[in-house]
Protein backbone atom coordinates (compact mmCIF):
# COMPACT_ATOMS: atom_id res chain seq x y z
CA MET A 1 9.47 20.22 3.19
CA SER A 2 7.39 16.90 2.34
CA VAL A 3 8.81 14.41 0.55
CA LYS A 4 6.47 13.42 -2.68
CA LEU A 5 5.89 9.26 -2.25
CA HIS A 6 4.34 7.04 -5.00
CA ILE A 7 2.07 5.66 -2.90
CA LYS A 8 -1.51 7.15 -1.42
CA LYS A 9 -4.13 5.84 0.59
CA GLY A 10 -6.64 3.67 -0.81
CA ASP A 11 -4.11 2.92 -4.05
CA THR A 12 -4.55 -1.09 -4.89
CA VAL A 13 -0.78 -2.51 -4.72
CA TYR A 14 1.29 -4.82 -5.78
CA VAL A 15 3.59 -6.11 -3.66
CA ASN A 16 7.21 -6.91 -5.75
CA ALA A 17 8.93 -8.56 -2.75
CA GLY A 18 8.92 -10.27 1.09
CA ASP A 19 6.55 -12.89 2.37
CA SER A 20 3.78 -11.25 0.51
CA LYS A 21 5.81 -11.92 -2.99
CA GLY A 22 2.91 -11.79 -5.82
CA GLN A 23 -0.40 -10.61 -2.77
CA THR A 24 -2.30 -7.45 -3.83
CA GLY A 25 -4.27 -5.21 -1.76
CA LYS A 26 -5.33 -1.80 -0.79
CA VAL A 27 -3.74 0.94 1.26
CA LEU A 28 -4.51 1.63 4.46
CA LYS A 29 -2.54 4.10 6.26
CA VAL A 30 0.88 5.93 4.75
CA LEU A 31 3.80 5.85 7.56
CA VAL A 32 5.13 8.91 6.27
CA LYS A 33 7.86 9.28 8.39
CA ASP A 34 8.95 5.46 8.00
CA ASN A 35 8.89 5.11 4.47
CA ARG A 36 6.18 1.76 5.18
CA ALA A 37 2.53 1.61 4.43
CA ILE A 38 -0.13 -0.73 5.54
CA VAL A 39 -1.44 -2.95 2.83
CA GLU A 40 -5.19 -4.25 3.47
CA GLY A 41 -4.79 -8.80 3.83
CA VAL A 42 -0.42 -8.09 2.79
CA ASN A 43 2.10 -9.43 5.76
CA LEU A 44 0.11 -10.42 8.17
CA VAL A 45 1.44 -11.30 11.74
CA SER A 46 0.40 -12.82 14.65
CA LYS A 47 -0.29 -11.18 17.47
CA HIS A 48 -0.50 -12.41 21.28
CA THR A 49 -3.37 -10.64 23.33
CA LYS A 50 -4.25 -10.68 26.88
CA PRO A 51 -7.78 -10.94 27.49
CA ASN A 52 -9.08 -7.38 27.75
CA SER A 53 -13.08 -5.68 27.30
CA LYS A 54 -12.98 -5.83 23.58
CA ASN A 55 -12.01 -9.45 23.13
CA PRO A 56 -12.51 -11.61 26.08
CA GLN A 57 -10.83 -14.40 26.01
CA GLY A 58 -7.59 -13.59 24.51
CA GLY A 59 -5.79 -15.28 21.78
CA ILE A 60 -3.46 -14.77 18.46
CA GLU A 61 -5.06 -12.33 16.35
CA LYS A 62 -3.74 -11.23 12.77
CA LYS A 63 -2.56 -8.41 11.69
CA GLU A 64 -1.60 -6.14 8.92
CA ALA A 65 3.05 -4.74 9.81
CA PRO A 66 4.10 -2.24 7.59
CA ILE A 67 5.83 -3.11 4.72
CA HIS A 68 8.60 -0.84 3.39
CA LEU A 69 7.41 1.41 0.00
CA SER A 70 9.63 0.10 -2.38
CA ASN A 71 8.40 -3.11 -2.33
CA LEU A 72 5.47 -1.69 -3.11
CA GLN A 73 4.03 -1.51 -7.18
CA VAL A 74 0.55 0.56 -7.85
CA LEU A 75 -1.66 -2.03 -10.39
CA ASP A 76 -2.26 -0.68 -14.24
CA PRO A 77 -5.86 1.26 -14.10
CA LYS A 78 -6.17 -0.01 -17.25
CA SER A 79 -4.39 -4.53 -17.47
CA GLY A 80 -4.33 -4.19 -13.78
CA LYS A 81 -0.60 -5.11 -13.32
CA ALA A 82 1.99 -3.74 -11.70
CA THR A 83 3.23 0.20 -13.05
CA ARG A 84 5.71 2.27 -12.79
CA VAL A 85 3.91 5.78 -11.83
CA GLY A 86 5.09 9.00 -13.39
CA ARG A 87 4.06 12.60 -12.91
CA LYS A 88 2.75 15.50 -14.98
CA GLU A 89 0.81 18.76 -15.24
CA LYS A 90 -3.11 18.96 -15.52
CA ASP A 91 -4.74 21.93 -15.32
CA GLY A 92 -2.74 23.04 -13.05
CA LYS A 93 -2.49 20.35 -11.22
CA LEU A 94 0.13 18.04 -11.14
CA VAL A 95 -1.35 14.57 -10.82
CA ARG A 96 0.29 10.78 -11.08
CA TYR A 97 -0.44 8.63 -14.12
CA SER A 98 1.00 5.22 -14.77
CA LYS A 99 4.34 4.24 -17.22
CA LYS A 100 2.34 1.65 -18.15
CA SER A 101 -0.65 2.65 -20.18
CA GLY A 102 -0.64 6.38 -19.92
CA GLU A 103 -3.97 6.50 -17.73
CA GLU A 104 -4.26 8.71 -15.16
CA ILE A 105 -3.85 6.97 -11.67
CA LYS A 106 -7.64 8.32 -9.76
């Protein structure tokens, strides 16, 4: 049985809790098993790397860490503000829509 999540890869989301509260970004990856997502430019952590062929200098690298889905909200396509997500059937398929404006989320 697969779990239905309110967030998909490619969505623009708003962070409503945690250190990155108030930031927005695009979802790069959704980790379904862990109920987390990696969002572009949000929840950055410093990763210390040894010198290797890709990075011969080594050093400290900024990298996005996964953030829990409960701390993310999809942005309304119309107003650009955070909204809850609903599902309704359209042409025999379930589509996600914004609870704020009623607009379909692509």
